[in-house]
Amino acid sequence: MEDFKRILVVSRDTQYCRRAVHYGISLARKYGAELYVIHVVHNPFSIEGWNLPVPSLEKEYKKLVLDTRKELAAVINSEREKGVKVKQAVKEGEPEEEIFKLVKDENIDLIIMLAHEQGRLEHFLFGRSNEEIIRKMPCSILLVKKESEPLNYGM
């Protein structure tokens, strides 16, 4: 097996992404790899034909993006304090497109992401399922099982 030089953790649920980040950190240390973490918030308002005036949903979406940035920063900062170098990005758009772009631009060798089922609301807010991402990626993918309780790093 070839060593991994660049590892990307895909965060789709910041409450549970600690588990995927933990695996990413462990493998990055083992292989001396660069570690990236990306969280893509799917913008449901970018859908063509979306003409309904829903200011409360748009306000909730903006709050969701802000909260996601804060939560992901807390996860990453707790690891940076331990000396781990992590590059992070919170993007808005189509998850598959943003992830694929980062994989291509940074020459990612391994993607780590949570393996879980999505409900209809999550599908609407965060985009399509892992299956579509898995089919398009040119690199290996490690799926991490989500447990019922998130890892707690003293937060």
N, C-alpha and C. Protein backbone atom coordinates (compact mmCIF):
# COMPACT_ATOMS: atom_id res chain seq x y z
N MET A 1 0.85 -1.18 0.00
CA MET A 1 0.00 0.00 0.00
C MET A 1 0.89 1.24 0.00
N GLU A 2 0.53 2.17 -0.83
CA GLU A 2 1.26 3.44 -0.91
C GLU A 2 0.88 4.32 0.28
N ASP A 3 1.86 5.05 0.80
CA ASP A 3 1.58 5.95 1.91
C ASP A 3 0.68 7.09 1.46
N PHE A 4 -0.12 7.56 2.40
CA PHE A 4 -0.99 8.70 2.13
C PHE A 4 -0.21 9.98 2.42
N LYS A 5 -0.27 10.92 1.50
CA LYS A 5 0.44 12.20 1.68
C LYS A 5 -0.51 13.34 2.03
N ARG A 6 -1.76 13.23 1.55
CA ARG A 6 -2.78 14.25 1.82
C ARG A 6 -4.10 13.55 2.13
N ILE A 7 -4.62 13.85 3.31
CA ILE A 7 -5.86 13.22 3.78
C ILE A 7 -6.92 14.30 3.96
N LEU A 8 -8.11 14.02 3.47
CA LEU A 8 -9.23 14.95 3.60
C LEU A 8 -10.32 14.32 4.44
N VAL A 9 -10.71 15.02 5.51
CA VAL A 9 -11.86 14.61 6.32
C VAL A 9 -13.05 15.44 5.86
N VAL A 10 -14.13 14.76 5.50
CA VAL A 10 -15.35 15.44 5.09
C VAL A 10 -16.29 15.47 6.28
N SER A 11 -16.59 16.67 6.74
CA SER A 11 -17.51 16.85 7.85
C SER A 11 -18.88 17.18 7.28
N ARG A 12 -19.86 16.36 7.59
CA ARG A 12 -21.22 16.67 7.14
C ARG A 12 -22.14 16.92 8.32
N ASP A 13 -21.67 16.60 9.50
CA ASP A 13 -22.45 16.79 10.72
C ASP A 13 -21.43 17.13 11.80
N THR A 14 -21.28 18.41 12.11
CA THR A 14 -20.20 18.82 13.01
C THR A 14 -20.32 18.18 14.38
N GLN A 15 -21.52 17.80 14.80
CA GLN A 15 -21.69 17.17 16.10
C GLN A 15 -20.95 15.83 16.14
N TYR A 16 -20.92 15.12 15.03
CA TYR A 16 -20.32 13.80 15.00
C TYR A 16 -19.00 13.75 14.23
N CYS A 17 -18.55 14.85 13.66
CA CYS A 17 -17.35 14.81 12.82
C CYS A 17 -16.09 14.56 13.62
N ARG A 18 -16.14 14.70 14.93
CA ARG A 18 -14.96 14.46 15.76
C ARG A 18 -14.40 13.06 15.52
N ARG A 19 -15.28 12.09 15.32
CA ARG A 19 -14.84 10.71 15.10
C ARG A 19 -14.03 10.63 13.80
N ALA A 20 -14.54 11.24 12.73
CA ALA A 20 -13.83 11.23 11.45
C ALA A 20 -12.52 12.02 11.56
N VAL A 21 -12.55 13.16 12.26
CA VAL A 21 -11.33 13.95 12.46
C VAL A 21 -10.30 13.14 13.25
N HIS A 22 -10.77 12.41 14.25
CA HIS A 22 -9.87 11.55 15.04
C HIS A 22 -9.15 10.55 14.15
N TYR A 23 -9.88 9.88 13.26
CA TYR A 23 -9.26 8.94 12.33
C TYR A 23 -8.29 9.66 11.40
N GLY A 24 -8.68 10.83 10.92
CA GLY A 24 -7.81 11.60 10.04
C GLY A 24 -6.50 11.97 10.72
N ILE A 25 -6.58 12.41 11.97
CA ILE A 25 -5.39 12.79 12.72
C ILE A 25 -4.50 11.58 12.95
N SER A 26 -5.10 10.47 13.33
CA SER A 26 -4.34 9.25 13.57
C SER A 26 -3.59 8.82 12.31
N LEU A 27 -4.26 8.81 11.17
CA LEU A 27 -3.61 8.40 9.92
C LEU A 27 -2.60 9.44 9.44
N ALA A 28 -2.90 10.72 9.64
CA ALA A 28 -1.96 11.77 9.24
C ALA A 28 -0.66 11.64 10.03
N ARG A 29 -0.77 11.35 11.32
CA ARG A 29 0.43 11.15 12.14
C ARG A 29 1.20 9.91 11.67
N LYS A 30 0.49 8.83 11.43
CA LYS A 30 1.13 7.57 11.03
C LYS A 30 1.90 7.73 9.72
N TYR A 31 1.31 8.44 8.76
CA TYR A 31 1.92 8.57 7.44
C TYR A 31 2.66 9.89 7.24
N GLY A 32 2.65 10.77 8.23
CA GLY A 32 3.27 12.07 8.07
C GLY A 32 2.58 12.89 6.99
N ALA A 33 1.27 12.73 6.91
CA ALA A 33 0.46 13.34 5.84
C ALA A 33 -0.07 14.71 6.25
N GLU A 34 -0.40 15.51 5.24
CA GLU A 34 -1.11 16.76 5.47
C GLU A 34 -2.57 16.42 5.71
N LEU A 35 -3.21 17.15 6.62
CA LEU A 35 -4.61 16.88 6.93
C LEU A 35 -5.46 18.09 6.58
N TYR A 36 -6.53 17.84 5.84
CA TYR A 36 -7.51 18.85 5.46
C TYR A 36 -8.86 18.44 6.03
N VAL A 37 -9.65 19.42 6.43
CA VAL A 37 -11.03 19.15 6.85
C VAL A 37 -11.92 20.12 6.09
N ILE A 38 -12.95 19.58 5.45
CA ILE A 38 -13.89 20.41 4.71
C ILE A 38 -15.30 20.12 5.19
N HIS A 39 -16.08 21.17 5.31
CA HIS A 39 -17.51 21.05 5.60
C HIS A 39 -18.23 21.88 4.54
N VAL A 40 -19.07 21.22 3.78
CA VAL A 40 -19.82 21.92 2.74
C VAL A 40 -21.27 22.00 3.16
N VAL A 41 -21.78 23.21 3.26
CA VAL A 41 -23.19 23.42 3.57
C VAL A 41 -23.91 23.61 2.25
N HIS A 42 -24.78 22.67 1.95
CA HIS A 42 -25.57 22.76 0.72
C HIS A 42 -26.55 23.91 0.84
N ASN A 43 -26.57 24.79 -0.14
CA ASN A 43 -27.48 25.93 -0.13
C ASN A 43 -28.75 25.56 -0.88
N PRO A 44 -29.84 25.27 -0.16
CA PRO A 44 -31.07 24.87 -0.83
C PRO A 44 -31.69 26.01 -1.63
N PHE A 45 -31.24 27.24 -1.39
CA PHE A 45 -31.80 28.39 -2.10
C PHE A 45 -31.13 28.61 -3.45
N SER A 46 -30.11 27.81 -3.75
CA SER A 46 -29.44 27.94 -5.05
C SER A 46 -30.11 27.08 -6.11
N ILE A 47 -31.12 26.32 -5.72
CA ILE A 47 -31.82 25.45 -6.66
C ILE A 47 -32.60 26.29 -7.66
N GLU A 48 -32.43 25.96 -8.94
CA GLU A 48 -33.17 26.69 -9.98
C GLU A 48 -34.66 26.48 -9.78
N GLY A 49 -35.41 27.54 -9.98
CA GLY A 49 -36.86 27.45 -9.85
C GLY A 49 -37.35 27.67 -8.43
N TRP A 50 -36.46 27.92 -7.49
CA TRP A 50 -36.84 28.17 -6.10
C TRP A 50 -37.30 29.61 -6.01
N ASN A 51 -38.59 29.84 -6.08
CA ASN A 51 -39.13 31.19 -6.11
C ASN A 51 -39.99 31.52 -4.91
N LEU A 52 -40.03 30.65 -3.93
CA LEU A 52 -40.88 30.89 -2.78
C LEU A 52 -40.22 31.89 -1.82
N PRO A 53 -40.95 32.90 -1.40
CA PRO A 53 -40.38 33.84 -0.43
C PRO A 53 -40.39 33.21 0.96
N VAL A 54 -39.25 32.77 1.43
CA VAL A 54 -39.16 32.12 2.73
C VAL A 54 -38.03 32.76 3.56
N PRO A 55 -38.24 34.00 3.98
CA PRO A 55 -37.17 34.69 4.71
C PRO A 55 -36.76 33.98 6.00
N SER A 56 -37.69 33.31 6.68
CA SER A 56 -37.32 32.63 7.92
C SER A 56 -36.38 31.47 7.64
N LEU A 57 -36.59 30.73 6.54
CA LEU A 57 -35.69 29.63 6.20
C LEU A 57 -34.32 30.15 5.79
N GLU A 58 -34.30 31.24 5.06
CA GLU A 58 -33.02 31.81 4.65
C GLU A 58 -32.23 32.30 5.87
N LYS A 59 -32.95 32.88 6.83
CA LYS A 59 -32.31 33.34 8.07
C LYS A 59 -31.75 32.14 8.84
N GLU A 60 -32.51 31.05 8.90
CA GLU A 60 -32.05 29.83 9.56
C GLU A 60 -30.83 29.25 8.86
N TYR A 61 -30.83 29.31 7.54
CA TYR A 61 -29.70 28.80 6.76
C TYR A 61 -28.43 29.59 7.09
N LYS A 62 -28.55 30.91 7.14
CA LYS A 62 -27.39 31.75 7.46
C LYS A 62 -26.87 31.46 8.87
N LYS A 63 -27.79 31.24 9.80
CA LYS A 63 -27.41 30.89 11.17
C LYS A 63 -26.72 29.52 11.18
N LEU A 64 -27.23 28.59 10.40
CA LEU A 64 -26.62 27.26 10.30
C LEU A 64 -25.18 27.35 9.80
N VAL A 65 -24.94 28.16 8.78
CA VAL A 65 -23.58 28.31 8.23
C VAL A 65 -22.67 28.90 9.30
N LEU A 66 -23.12 29.93 10.01
CA LEU A 66 -22.31 30.56 11.06
C LEU A 66 -22.02 29.57 12.19
N ASP A 67 -23.04 28.84 12.64
CA ASP A 67 -22.85 27.86 13.71
C ASP A 67 -21.90 26.75 13.27
N THR A 68 -22.00 26.32 12.02
CA THR A 68 -21.12 25.28 11.50
C THR A 68 -19.68 25.74 11.53
N ARG A 69 -19.43 26.97 11.11
CA ARG A 69 -18.07 27.51 11.14
C ARG A 69 -17.51 27.49 12.57
N LYS A 70 -18.32 27.91 13.54
CA LYS A 70 -17.88 27.95 14.93
C LYS A 70 -17.61 26.55 15.47
N GLU A 71 -18.53 25.61 15.20
CA GLU A 71 -18.38 24.25 15.71
C GLU A 71 -17.16 23.56 15.10
N LEU A 72 -16.98 23.71 13.80
CA LEU A 72 -15.83 23.08 13.15
C LEU A 72 -14.53 23.70 13.66
N ALA A 73 -14.51 25.00 13.84
CA ALA A 73 -13.31 25.67 14.37
C ALA A 73 -12.97 25.14 15.76
N ALA A 74 -13.97 24.88 16.59
CA ALA A 74 -13.73 24.35 17.93
C ALA A 74 -13.10 22.96 17.85
N VAL A 75 -13.60 22.12 16.96
CA VAL A 75 -13.05 20.77 16.80
C VAL A 75 -11.59 20.85 16.33
N ILE A 76 -11.35 21.66 15.32
CA ILE A 76 -10.01 21.79 14.73
C ILE A 76 -9.04 22.43 15.73
N ASN A 77 -9.48 23.48 16.41
CA ASN A 77 -8.60 24.17 17.36
C ASN A 77 -8.18 23.26 18.51
N SER A 78 -9.07 22.37 18.95
CA SER A 78 -8.68 21.44 20.02
C SER A 78 -7.55 20.52 19.56
N GLU A 79 -7.52 20.19 18.28
CA GLU A 79 -6.44 19.35 17.74
C GLU A 79 -5.18 20.18 17.47
N ARG A 80 -5.36 21.40 17.03
CA ARG A 80 -4.19 22.27 16.79
C ARG A 80 -3.42 22.51 18.08
N GLU A 81 -4.15 22.59 19.20
CA GLU A 81 -3.50 22.79 20.49
C GLU A 81 -2.60 21.61 20.84
N LYS A 82 -2.86 20.45 20.24
CA LYS A 82 -2.05 19.25 20.46
C LYS A 82 -0.91 19.17 19.45
N GLY A 83 -0.76 20.20 18.62
CA GLY A 83 0.35 20.24 17.68
C GLY A 83 0.04 19.67 16.30
N VAL A 84 -1.20 19.37 16.02
CA VAL A 84 -1.57 18.82 14.72
C VAL A 84 -1.86 19.96 13.75
N LYS A 85 -1.24 19.90 12.59
CA LYS A 85 -1.49 20.92 11.57
C LYS A 85 -2.69 20.48 10.73
N VAL A 86 -3.70 21.33 10.71
CA VAL A 86 -4.93 21.01 9.98
C VAL A 86 -5.33 22.22 9.16
N LYS A 87 -5.64 21.99 7.89
CA LYS A 87 -6.19 23.04 7.04
C LYS A 87 -7.69 22.80 6.97
N GLN A 88 -8.47 23.86 7.21
CA GLN A 88 -9.92 23.69 7.23
C GLN A 88 -10.61 24.63 6.27
N ALA A 89 -11.78 24.20 5.82
CA ALA A 89 -12.59 25.02 4.93
C ALA A 89 -14.06 24.74 5.16
N VAL A 90 -14.85 25.80 5.27
CA VAL A 90 -16.30 25.67 5.27
C VAL A 90 -16.76 26.33 3.99
N LYS A 91 -17.41 25.55 3.14
CA LYS A 91 -17.85 26.03 1.83
C LYS A 91 -19.36 25.96 1.75
N GLU A 92 -19.92 26.81 0.89
CA GLU A 92 -21.34 26.75 0.58
C GLU A 92 -21.46 26.35 -0.87
N GLY A 93 -22.36 25.42 -1.16
CA GLY A 93 -22.54 24.99 -2.53
C GLY A 93 -22.97 23.54 -2.60
N GLU A 94 -22.68 22.91 -3.72
CA GLU A 94 -22.98 21.51 -3.92
C GLU A 94 -21.85 20.68 -3.31
N PRO A 95 -22.14 19.83 -2.33
CA PRO A 95 -21.07 19.08 -1.66
C PRO A 95 -20.17 18.30 -2.61
N GLU A 96 -20.75 17.58 -3.55
CA GLU A 96 -19.93 16.77 -4.46
C GLU A 96 -18.94 17.64 -5.23
N GLU A 97 -19.42 18.78 -5.72
CA GLU A 97 -18.57 19.67 -6.52
C GLU A 97 -17.44 20.26 -5.68
N GLU A 98 -17.76 20.74 -4.49
CA GLU A 98 -16.75 21.37 -3.63
C GLU A 98 -15.72 20.35 -3.15
N ILE A 99 -16.17 19.16 -2.79
CA ILE A 99 -15.25 18.11 -2.34
C ILE A 99 -14.36 17.67 -3.49
N PHE A 100 -14.96 17.42 -4.65
CA PHE A 100 -14.19 16.98 -5.82
C PHE A 100 -13.15 18.03 -6.20
N LYS A 101 -13.53 19.30 -6.13
CA LYS A 101 -12.60 20.39 -6.47
C LYS A 101 -11.40 20.37 -5.53
N LEU A 102 -11.64 20.23 -4.23
CA LEU A 102 -10.55 20.20 -3.27
C LEU A 102 -9.67 18.96 -3.47
N VAL A 103 -10.30 17.81 -3.72
CA VAL A 103 -9.54 16.58 -3.95
C VAL A 103 -8.61 16.76 -5.15
N LYS A 104 -9.13 17.35 -6.21
CA LYS A 104 -8.34 17.56 -7.42
C LYS A 104 -7.25 18.61 -7.20
N ASP A 105 -7.63 19.77 -6.62
CA ASP A 105 -6.69 20.88 -6.43
C ASP A 105 -5.54 20.53 -5.49
N GLU A 106 -5.83 19.76 -4.45
CA GLU A 106 -4.82 19.44 -3.43
C GLU A 106 -4.22 18.05 -3.60
N ASN A 107 -4.65 17.33 -4.63
CA ASN A 107 -4.12 15.99 -4.91
C ASN A 107 -4.28 15.07 -3.69
N ILE A 108 -5.51 14.99 -3.19
CA ILE A 108 -5.84 14.20 -2.01
C ILE A 108 -5.71 12.70 -2.31
N ASP A 109 -5.11 11.96 -1.37
CA ASP A 109 -4.92 10.52 -1.51
C ASP A 109 -6.01 9.70 -0.84
N LEU A 110 -6.60 10.26 0.23
CA LEU A 110 -7.59 9.52 1.02
C LEU A 110 -8.64 10.48 1.54
N ILE A 111 -9.88 10.06 1.44
CA ILE A 111 -11.00 10.82 2.01
C ILE A 111 -11.55 10.00 3.18
N ILE A 112 -11.82 10.68 4.29
CA ILE A 112 -12.44 10.05 5.45
C ILE A 112 -13.76 10.77 5.68
N MET A 113 -14.83 9.99 5.75
CA MET A 113 -16.15 10.61 5.97
C MET A 113 -17.05 9.66 6.76
N LEU A 114 -18.06 10.24 7.39
CA LEU A 114 -19.02 9.45 8.15
C LEU A 114 -19.89 8.64 7.20
N ALA A 115 -20.18 7.42 7.60
CA ALA A 115 -21.10 6.57 6.85
C ALA A 115 -22.41 6.54 7.62
N HIS A 116 -23.40 7.26 7.12
CA HIS A 116 -24.68 7.27 7.81
C HIS A 116 -25.81 7.56 6.84
N GLU A 117 -26.99 7.20 7.26
CA GLU A 117 -28.19 7.46 6.46
C GLU A 117 -28.63 8.89 6.71
N GLN A 118 -29.21 9.48 5.70
CA GLN A 118 -29.71 10.85 5.84
C GLN A 118 -31.23 10.84 5.85
N GLY A 119 -31.78 11.72 6.66
CA GLY A 119 -33.21 11.94 6.63
C GLY A 119 -33.53 12.94 5.51
N ARG A 120 -34.79 13.15 5.27
CA ARG A 120 -35.20 14.05 4.19
C ARG A 120 -34.75 15.49 4.43
N LEU A 121 -34.86 15.97 5.67
CA LEU A 121 -34.46 17.35 5.96
C LEU A 121 -32.94 17.50 5.76
N GLU A 122 -32.15 16.54 6.28
CA GLU A 122 -30.71 16.61 6.10
C GLU A 122 -30.36 16.56 4.62
N HIS A 123 -31.05 15.72 3.87
CA HIS A 123 -30.80 15.62 2.42
C HIS A 123 -31.08 16.97 1.76
N PHE A 124 -32.16 17.64 2.18
CA PHE A 124 -32.52 18.94 1.61
C PHE A 124 -31.50 20.01 1.98
N LEU A 125 -31.07 20.02 3.25
CA LEU A 125 -30.16 21.06 3.71
C LEU A 125 -28.71 20.83 3.32
N PHE A 126 -28.27 19.57 3.30
CA PHE A 126 -26.85 19.29 3.09
C PHE A 126 -26.54 18.64 1.76
N GLY A 127 -27.53 18.38 0.96
CA GLY A 127 -27.24 17.82 -0.35
C GLY A 127 -27.41 16.33 -0.39
N ARG A 128 -26.86 15.74 -1.40
CA ARG A 128 -27.06 14.33 -1.70
C ARG A 128 -26.31 13.42 -0.74
N SER A 129 -26.49 12.15 -0.95
CA SER A 129 -25.92 11.14 -0.06
C SER A 129 -24.46 10.87 -0.34
N ASN A 130 -23.83 10.12 0.55
CA ASN A 130 -22.44 9.72 0.38
C ASN A 130 -22.24 8.93 -0.90
N GLU A 131 -23.24 8.18 -1.30
CA GLU A 131 -23.13 7.32 -2.47
C GLU A 131 -22.69 8.10 -3.71
N GLU A 132 -23.26 9.26 -3.91
CA GLU A 132 -22.90 10.07 -5.08
C GLU A 132 -21.46 10.58 -4.98
N ILE A 133 -21.03 10.92 -3.78
CA ILE A 133 -19.66 11.39 -3.58
C ILE A 133 -18.69 10.24 -3.84
N ILE A 134 -19.00 9.07 -3.31
CA ILE A 134 -18.12 7.90 -3.44
C ILE A 134 -17.90 7.54 -4.90
N ARG A 135 -18.95 7.58 -5.69
CA ARG A 135 -18.84 7.21 -7.10
C ARG A 135 -17.90 8.12 -7.89
N LYS A 136 -17.84 9.39 -7.53
CA LYS A 136 -17.08 10.38 -8.31
C LYS A 136 -15.63 10.54 -7.90
N MET A 137 -15.26 10.11 -6.72
CA MET A 137 -13.93 10.40 -6.21
C MET A 137 -12.85 9.53 -6.84
N PRO A 138 -11.72 10.16 -7.18
CA PRO A 138 -10.62 9.43 -7.81
C PRO A 138 -9.63 8.81 -6.81
N CYS A 139 -9.94 8.88 -5.52
CA CYS A 139 -9.02 8.37 -4.51
C CYS A 139 -9.74 7.39 -3.58
N SER A 140 -9.00 6.80 -2.66
CA SER A 140 -9.58 5.87 -1.69
C SER A 140 -10.44 6.63 -0.69
N ILE A 141 -11.43 5.91 -0.14
CA ILE A 141 -12.34 6.52 0.83
C ILE A 141 -12.49 5.59 2.02
N LEU A 142 -12.36 6.16 3.22
CA LEU A 142 -12.58 5.43 4.46
C LEU A 142 -13.88 5.95 5.06
N LEU A 143 -14.85 5.04 5.24
CA LEU A 143 -16.12 5.42 5.84
C LEU A 143 -16.09 5.06 7.32
N VAL A 144 -16.44 6.02 8.15
CA VAL A 144 -16.41 5.86 9.60
C VAL A 144 -17.84 5.75 10.09
N LYS A 145 -18.11 4.71 10.85
CA LYS A 145 -19.44 4.48 11.39
C LYS A 145 -19.75 5.51 12.47
N LYS A 146 -20.91 6.13 12.38
CA LYS A 146 -21.33 7.11 13.37
C LYS A 146 -21.96 6.38 14.55
N GLU A 147 -21.49 6.68 15.75
CA GLU A 147 -22.08 6.09 16.94
C GLU A 147 -23.17 7.00 17.47
N SER A 148 -23.95 6.49 18.39
CA SER A 148 -25.08 7.26 18.91
C SER A 148 -24.63 8.47 19.73
N GLU A 149 -23.46 8.40 20.33
CA GLU A 149 -22.95 9.52 21.12
C GLU A 149 -21.69 10.07 20.47
N PRO A 150 -21.57 11.41 20.35
CA PRO A 150 -20.35 11.98 19.78
C PRO A 150 -19.17 11.82 20.73
N LEU A 151 -17.96 11.80 20.19
CA LEU A 151 -16.77 11.79 21.04
C LEU A 151 -16.72 13.09 21.81
N ASN A 152 -16.29 13.06 23.03
CA ASN A 152 -16.22 14.26 23.85
C ASN A 152 -14.76 14.55 24.15
N TYR A 153 -14.30 15.70 23.70
CA TYR A 153 -12.92 16.12 23.93
C TYR A 153 -12.90 17.22 25.01
N GLY A 154 -13.72 17.05 26.02
CA GLY A 154 -13.73 18.02 27.11
C GLY A 154 -14.46 19.29 26.74
N MET A 155 -15.31 19.22 25.74
CA MET A 155 -16.04 20.42 25.32
C MET A 155 -17.44 20.39 25.84
